[in-house]
Amino acid sequence: MDQIAGFYEEDYQGGAGEVRAVGFLPGTGIEVIRPVKRRGPPRHVLFDFDGTLSLIREGWVGVMVPMMVEVLSSTGTDEPPETLAAVARDFVTELTGKQTIYQMMRLAEEVARRGGEPEDPLVYKQRYHDRLMERIAGRREDLRSGRASPREMLVPYSLEILEELRRRDMALYVASGTDERYVMEEVRLLGLDRFFGGRVYGALDDYKSFSKAMVIQRILEENRVDGAALLGFGDGYVEIQNVVAVGGTAVAVASDEAGRGGKPDPWKRDRLIGAGADLVIPDFREWRPLLDYLWNDQSPAPAWSPA
């Protein structure tokens, strides 16, 4: 566990096995894990970015893990590449949702464990980011030039739910584990700055100066509201845990980033339920019944079925 300015970013510790039954809002694929009972409608809505709204960085694991295998192989270990890939994939997925630097800190630990001399985690982070930017350069340029529309690189129906939330006068925020300067740029490339304005927060080189928990606390303190006023959407365990911890409502976006077929990604779904999500959706295509349910305690009860 890392303590950051009094707020915690915990490693993933799931409790999915404790959830015995789930249900669906009638006629939808919106999975209700814990029925939502609110004193009133939310006033502030927090979104994770990559995988929750943006698909620009889809496939990032396929960049990070091979880079890590190269680093670990250079220690002289006799472990075959496939073993190192499994090791890297395990801790990369374990830490997904936290700032990228945490994965690189873990990489440095693995290097030392194999008798190597680790570089500064920021060096590893930059190496990974250079490779990722090379992979996604075409996507970014297509958006910049207009050859691709934002819809092609957004989780389906993101624009529709954002428009409706803005119509309802919600204050919208982004909190991402990706470096802040890149998040802000990609928010603009996707045309989402009109929804979030300056309320976009991302990772900093001084990682102790940022956490999603800190962003949430800032929202609550600056607006003098309690956690019940907060609604959060995310595909990472950190934002789900942080929203639940303050008493907010957490909607897990178990997005299938590559397929976009309207079905939840099973690994994300299980992980996010374990993190404490109240609801699970694959994307935003059923935004109308979702928001109707969240804004109206008298909505029809979920149709329960065994897990």
Protein backbone atom coordinates (compact mmCIF):
# COMPACT_ATOMS: atom_id res chain seq x y z
CA MET A 1 0.00 0.00 0.00
CA ASP A 2 1.27 3.45 -0.88
CA GLN A 3 0.32 6.40 1.30
CA ILE A 4 0.09 9.60 -0.71
CA ALA A 5 -0.51 12.85 1.17
CA GLY A 6 -2.81 11.03 3.56
CA PHE A 7 -4.71 9.20 0.81
CA TYR A 8 -4.16 5.61 -0.18
CA GLU A 9 -3.67 3.86 -3.51
CA GLU A 10 -3.90 0.21 -2.62
CA ASP A 11 -2.82 -2.72 -4.74
CA TYR A 12 -5.73 -4.76 -5.98
CA GLN A 13 -7.35 -6.93 -3.33
CA GLY A 14 -10.50 -8.38 -4.77
CA GLY A 15 -13.57 -9.62 -2.99
CA ALA A 16 -15.37 -11.00 -6.04
CA GLY A 17 -15.77 -14.38 -4.40
CA GLU A 18 -18.01 -12.81 -1.76
CA VAL A 19 -20.63 -11.76 -4.35
CA ARG A 20 -23.15 -14.58 -4.60
CA ALA A 21 -25.79 -13.11 -6.88
CA VAL A 22 -26.17 -10.41 -9.48
CA GLY A 23 -29.11 -8.98 -11.33
CA PHE A 24 -29.94 -6.96 -14.42
CA LEU A 25 -32.15 -3.97 -14.94
CA PRO A 26 -35.15 -5.38 -16.81
CA GLY A 27 -34.59 -5.60 -20.55
CA THR A 28 -30.97 -4.46 -20.35
CA GLY A 29 -27.44 -5.77 -19.95
CA ILE A 30 -26.88 -3.43 -16.99
CA GLU A 31 -25.72 -5.65 -14.17
CA VAL A 32 -26.70 -4.58 -10.66
CA ILE A 33 -24.33 -5.89 -8.03
CA ARG A 34 -25.63 -3.76 -5.17
CA PRO A 35 -28.95 -1.93 -5.59
CA VAL A 36 -28.33 1.80 -5.56
CA LYS A 37 -30.24 3.81 -2.97
CA ARG A 38 -29.45 7.50 -3.13
CA ARG A 39 -30.74 10.41 -1.08
CA GLY A 40 -30.82 12.44 -4.27
CA PRO A 41 -29.25 12.61 -7.73
CA PRO A 42 -25.47 12.83 -8.02
CA ARG A 43 -23.92 16.24 -8.57
CA HIS A 44 -20.35 15.39 -9.57
CA VAL A 45 -19.34 12.68 -12.03
CA LEU A 46 -15.81 11.28 -12.26
CA PHE A 47 -14.50 9.30 -15.24
CA ASP A 48 -11.36 7.29 -15.68
CA PHE A 49 -10.00 7.89 -19.18
CA ASP A 50 -8.23 5.02 -20.97
CA GLY A 51 -10.60 2.09 -21.45
CA THR A 52 -13.48 3.99 -19.87
CA LEU A 53 -13.82 6.72 -22.49
CA SER A 54 -10.76 6.62 -24.74
CA LEU A 55 -9.60 3.73 -26.92
CA ILE A 56 -6.58 5.57 -28.30
CA ARG A 57 -4.24 3.46 -26.15
CA GLU A 58 -5.98 0.14 -26.74
CA GLY A 59 -3.35 -2.63 -26.80
CA TRP A 60 -0.94 -0.97 -24.37
CA VAL A 61 -0.28 -4.24 -22.50
CA GLY A 62 1.14 -5.65 -25.72
CA VAL A 63 3.71 -2.87 -25.64
CA MET A 64 4.54 -2.86 -21.94
CA VAL A 65 5.05 -6.59 -21.37
CA PRO A 66 7.55 -7.18 -24.23
CA MET A 67 9.56 -4.16 -23.08
CA MET A 68 9.69 -5.62 -19.60
CA VAL A 69 10.76 -9.02 -20.92
CA GLU A 70 13.72 -7.33 -22.64
CA VAL A 71 14.70 -5.60 -19.41
CA LEU A 72 14.44 -8.76 -17.33
CA SER A 73 16.31 -10.84 -19.93
CA SER A 74 19.21 -8.39 -19.79
CA THR A 75 19.86 -9.40 -16.16
CA GLY A 76 21.31 -12.69 -17.42
CA THR A 77 18.53 -14.80 -15.92
CA ASP A 78 18.13 -18.27 -17.41
CA GLU A 79 14.34 -17.95 -17.39
CA PRO A 80 12.88 -18.30 -20.90
CA PRO A 81 11.06 -15.33 -22.44
CA GLU A 82 7.65 -16.95 -22.02
CA THR A 83 8.24 -17.30 -18.25
CA LEU A 84 9.35 -13.68 -17.97
CA ALA A 85 6.32 -12.59 -19.97
CA ALA A 86 4.04 -14.44 -17.55
CA VAL A 87 5.78 -12.79 -14.57
CA ALA A 88 5.47 -9.34 -16.14
CA ARG A 89 1.87 -9.85 -17.20
CA ASP A 90 0.91 -10.90 -13.69
CA PHE A 91 2.21 -7.77 -11.98
CA VAL A 92 1.17 -5.46 -14.81
CA THR A 93 -2.44 -6.64 -14.51
CA GLU A 94 -2.24 -6.61 -10.72
CA LEU A 95 -1.32 -2.92 -10.82
CA THR A 96 -3.53 -1.84 -13.74
CA GLY A 97 -5.49 1.24 -12.73
CA LYS A 98 -2.68 2.79 -10.73
CA GLN A 99 -0.20 5.27 -12.21
CA THR A 100 2.15 3.68 -14.75
CA ILE A 101 5.12 4.43 -12.51
CA TYR A 102 3.98 1.74 -10.06
CA GLN A 103 4.38 -0.93 -12.73
CA MET A 104 7.85 0.38 -13.46
CA MET A 105 8.75 0.38 -9.78
CA ARG A 106 7.75 -3.26 -9.67
CA LEU A 107 9.86 -3.93 -12.77
CA ALA A 108 12.86 -2.44 -10.97
CA GLU A 109 12.22 -4.78 -8.03
CA GLU A 110 12.12 -7.78 -10.38
CA VAL A 111 15.42 -6.70 -11.96
CA ALA A 112 17.07 -6.47 -8.53
CA ARG A 113 15.60 -9.84 -7.56
CA ARG A 114 17.45 -11.37 -10.51
CA GLY A 115 20.77 -9.80 -9.53
CA GLY A 116 20.58 -6.90 -11.99
CA GLU A 117 21.17 -3.22 -11.39
CA PRO A 118 17.80 -1.54 -11.96
CA GLU A 119 17.45 1.82 -13.64
CA ASP A 120 15.31 4.56 -12.20
CA PRO A 121 11.64 3.59 -12.73
CA LEU A 122 11.15 6.89 -14.58
CA VAL A 123 13.66 5.66 -17.19
CA TYR A 124 11.63 2.48 -17.70
CA LYS A 125 8.45 4.52 -17.86
CA GLN A 126 9.86 6.77 -20.58
CA ARG A 127 11.10 3.78 -22.57
CA TYR A 128 7.65 2.21 -22.44
CA HIS A 129 5.96 5.47 -23.29
CA ASP A 130 8.20 6.06 -26.32
CA ARG A 131 7.22 2.66 -27.68
CA LEU A 132 3.56 3.17 -26.94
CA MET A 133 3.55 6.55 -28.65
CA GLU A 134 5.12 4.95 -31.70
CA ARG A 135 2.32 2.36 -31.73
CA ILE A 136 -0.49 4.89 -31.40
CA ALA A 137 1.03 7.71 -33.47
CA GLY A 138 -1.18 6.82 -36.43
CA ARG A 139 -4.34 6.94 -34.33
CA ARG A 140 -3.45 10.31 -32.89
CA GLU A 141 -2.56 11.73 -36.32
CA ASP A 142 -5.79 10.38 -37.81
CA LEU A 143 -7.75 12.24 -35.14
CA ARG A 144 -5.67 15.38 -35.56
CA SER A 145 -6.11 15.42 -39.34
CA GLY A 146 -9.78 14.46 -39.33
CA ARG A 147 -9.20 11.16 -41.12
CA ALA A 148 -10.78 9.47 -38.09
CA SER A 149 -13.73 10.69 -36.09
CA PRO A 150 -13.63 10.69 -32.30
CA ARG A 151 -16.42 8.09 -32.24
CA GLU A 152 -14.03 5.58 -33.79
CA MET A 153 -11.72 5.87 -30.79
CA LEU A 154 -14.21 6.19 -27.97
CA VAL A 155 -15.94 3.51 -25.93
CA PRO A 156 -19.34 3.19 -27.68
CA TYR A 157 -21.89 5.86 -26.81
CA SER A 158 -19.49 7.89 -24.70
CA LEU A 159 -20.61 11.10 -26.40
CA GLU A 160 -24.27 10.37 -25.75
CA ILE A 161 -23.88 9.88 -22.02
CA LEU A 162 -21.59 12.89 -21.70
CA GLU A 163 -24.08 15.08 -23.54
CA GLU A 164 -26.88 13.92 -21.27
CA LEU A 165 -24.84 14.44 -18.12
CA ARG A 166 -24.01 17.94 -19.27
CA ARG A 167 -27.70 18.56 -20.00
CA ARG A 168 -28.38 17.57 -16.40
CA ASP A 169 -25.86 20.19 -15.24
CA MET A 170 -23.43 17.70 -13.80
CA ALA A 171 -19.84 18.76 -13.08
CA LEU A 172 -17.68 16.28 -15.03
CA TYR A 173 -14.10 15.26 -14.21
CA VAL A 174 -11.38 12.99 -15.60
CA ALA A 175 -8.80 11.29 -13.36
CA SER A 176 -6.27 9.07 -15.15
CA GLY A 177 -3.13 7.12 -14.31
CA THR A 178 -1.68 8.25 -17.65
CA ASP A 179 0.59 11.31 -17.59
CA GLU A 180 -1.47 14.47 -17.30
CA ARG A 181 -0.02 16.26 -20.34
CA TYR A 182 -0.95 13.33 -22.59
CA VAL A 183 -4.39 12.90 -21.07
CA MET A 184 -5.15 16.57 -21.65
CA GLU A 185 -3.95 16.33 -25.25
CA GLU A 186 -5.97 13.21 -25.96
CA VAL A 187 -9.07 14.71 -24.34
CA ARG A 188 -8.73 17.53 -26.88
CA LEU A 189 -8.10 15.15 -29.80
CA LEU A 190 -11.32 13.32 -28.95
CA GLY A 191 -13.24 16.58 -28.65
CA LEU A 192 -14.06 15.93 -24.99
CA ASP A 193 -12.64 19.17 -23.63
CA ARG A 194 -16.06 20.77 -24.09
CA PHE A 195 -17.36 18.46 -21.37
CA PHE A 196 -14.48 18.56 -18.91
CA GLY A 197 -12.86 21.95 -19.41
CA GLY A 198 -9.99 22.24 -16.94
CA ARG A 199 -11.22 19.37 -14.76
CA VAL A 200 -8.75 16.85 -16.22
CA TYR A 201 -6.22 15.26 -13.86
CA GLY A 202 -3.42 12.82 -14.64
CA ALA A 203 -0.22 11.32 -13.35
CA LEU A 204 2.81 13.49 -12.56
CA ASP A 205 6.52 12.62 -12.56
CA ASP A 206 6.37 13.31 -8.84
CA TYR A 207 3.96 10.43 -8.36
CA LYS A 208 3.41 11.29 -4.70
CA SER A 209 1.65 14.47 -5.81
CA PHE A 210 -1.17 12.65 -7.56
CA SER A 211 -3.64 9.91 -6.86
CA LYS A 212 -7.24 9.37 -7.85
CA ALA A 213 -8.14 9.43 -4.16
CA MET A 214 -6.62 12.92 -3.96
CA VAL A 215 -8.72 14.08 -6.93
CA ILE A 216 -11.87 12.75 -5.26
CA GLN A 217 -11.04 14.45 -1.98
CA ARG A 218 -10.44 17.72 -3.82
CA ILE A 219 -13.84 17.46 -5.53
CA LEU A 220 -15.60 16.87 -2.23
CA GLU A 221 -13.74 19.57 -0.30
CA GLU A 222 -13.92 22.30 -2.95
CA ASN A 223 -17.63 21.73 -3.47
CA ARG A 224 -18.43 21.12 0.20
CA VAL A 225 -20.31 17.91 -0.49
CA ASP A 226 -20.06 14.41 0.90
CA GLY A 227 -19.30 11.27 -1.09
CA ALA A 228 -22.96 10.51 -1.72
CA ALA A 229 -22.93 13.34 -4.29
CA LEU A 230 -20.29 11.50 -6.36
CA LEU A 231 -20.87 9.12 -9.27
CA GLY A 232 -17.82 7.38 -10.75
CA PHE A 233 -17.22 5.44 -13.97
CA GLY A 234 -14.10 3.35 -14.50
CA ASP A 235 -12.53 0.22 -15.93
CA GLY A 236 -9.79 0.09 -13.28
CA TYR A 237 -10.06 -1.10 -9.71
CA VAL A 238 -8.49 2.05 -8.21
CA GLU A 239 -11.25 4.48 -9.14
CA ILE A 240 -13.94 1.94 -8.18
CA GLN A 241 -12.40 1.42 -4.74
CA ASN A 242 -11.84 5.14 -4.22
CA VAL A 243 -15.41 6.11 -5.13
CA VAL A 244 -16.89 3.38 -2.93
CA ALA A 245 -14.60 4.37 -0.05
CA VAL A 246 -16.15 7.84 0.20
CA GLY A 247 -19.72 6.59 -0.13
CA GLY A 248 -20.21 7.35 -3.82
CA THR A 249 -21.82 5.20 -6.51
CA ALA A 250 -19.35 3.25 -8.67
CA VAL A 251 -20.20 2.06 -12.17
CA ALA A 252 -17.73 -0.44 -13.60
CA VAL A 253 -17.16 -0.08 -17.34
CA ALA A 254 -15.98 -3.60 -18.25
CA SER A 255 -15.16 -2.53 -21.79
CA ASP A 256 -14.01 -4.91 -24.51
CA GLU A 257 -11.58 -2.41 -25.97
CA ALA A 258 -10.63 -4.42 -29.06
CA GLY A 259 -13.98 -6.04 -29.91
CA ARG A 260 -16.44 -3.32 -28.86
CA GLY A 261 -19.23 -5.86 -29.22
CA GLY A 262 -21.42 -4.76 -26.34
CA LYS A 263 -20.44 -7.65 -24.08
CA PRO A 264 -18.43 -7.14 -20.90
CA ASP A 265 -14.81 -8.23 -20.78
CA PRO A 266 -14.92 -11.16 -18.29
CA TRP A 267 -11.58 -10.37 -16.65
CA LYS A 268 -12.49 -6.72 -16.12
CA ARG A 269 -15.97 -7.63 -14.91
CA ASP A 270 -14.76 -10.01 -12.21
CA ARG A 271 -12.00 -7.66 -11.09
CA LEU A 272 -14.28 -4.63 -10.86
CA ILE A 273 -16.97 -6.51 -8.97
CA GLY A 274 -14.22 -7.57 -6.58
CA ALA A 275 -13.24 -3.91 -6.19
CA GLY A 276 -16.75 -3.08 -4.98
CA ALA A 277 -18.61 -1.84 -8.07
CA ASP A 278 -22.32 -1.18 -7.64
CA LEU A 279 -23.17 -1.66 -11.32
CA VAL A 280 -21.39 -3.20 -14.32
CA ILE A 281 -21.82 -2.13 -17.95
CA PRO A 282 -19.85 -3.14 -21.08
CA ASP A 283 -20.08 0.37 -22.58
CA PHE A 284 -22.54 3.26 -22.60
CA ARG A 285 -25.03 2.05 -25.22
CA GLU A 286 -27.77 1.68 -22.58
CA TRP A 287 -27.15 5.08 -21.09
CA ARG A 288 -30.82 6.01 -20.92
CA PRO A 289 -31.99 3.22 -18.57
CA LEU A 290 -28.72 3.52 -16.64
CA LEU A 291 -29.21 7.20 -15.88
CA ASP A 292 -32.93 6.73 -15.28
CA TYR A 293 -32.07 4.15 -12.63
CA LEU A 294 -29.36 6.27 -11.02
CA TRP A 295 -31.53 9.38 -10.93
CA ASN A 296 -34.75 7.74 -9.78
CA ASP A 297 -34.97 5.51 -6.71
CA GLN A 298 -38.41 4.39 -7.89
CA SER A 299 -37.02 2.70 -11.01
CA PRO A 300 -38.05 -0.95 -11.45
CA ALA A 301 -36.14 -3.35 -9.23
CA PRO A 302 -33.45 -5.45 -10.90
CA ALA A 303 -34.48 -8.86 -12.19
CA TRP A 304 -32.32 -11.06 -9.99
CA SER A 305 -30.59 -14.19 -11.22
CA PRO A 306 -27.85 -16.37 -9.74
CA ALA A 307 -24.24 -15.44 -10.50
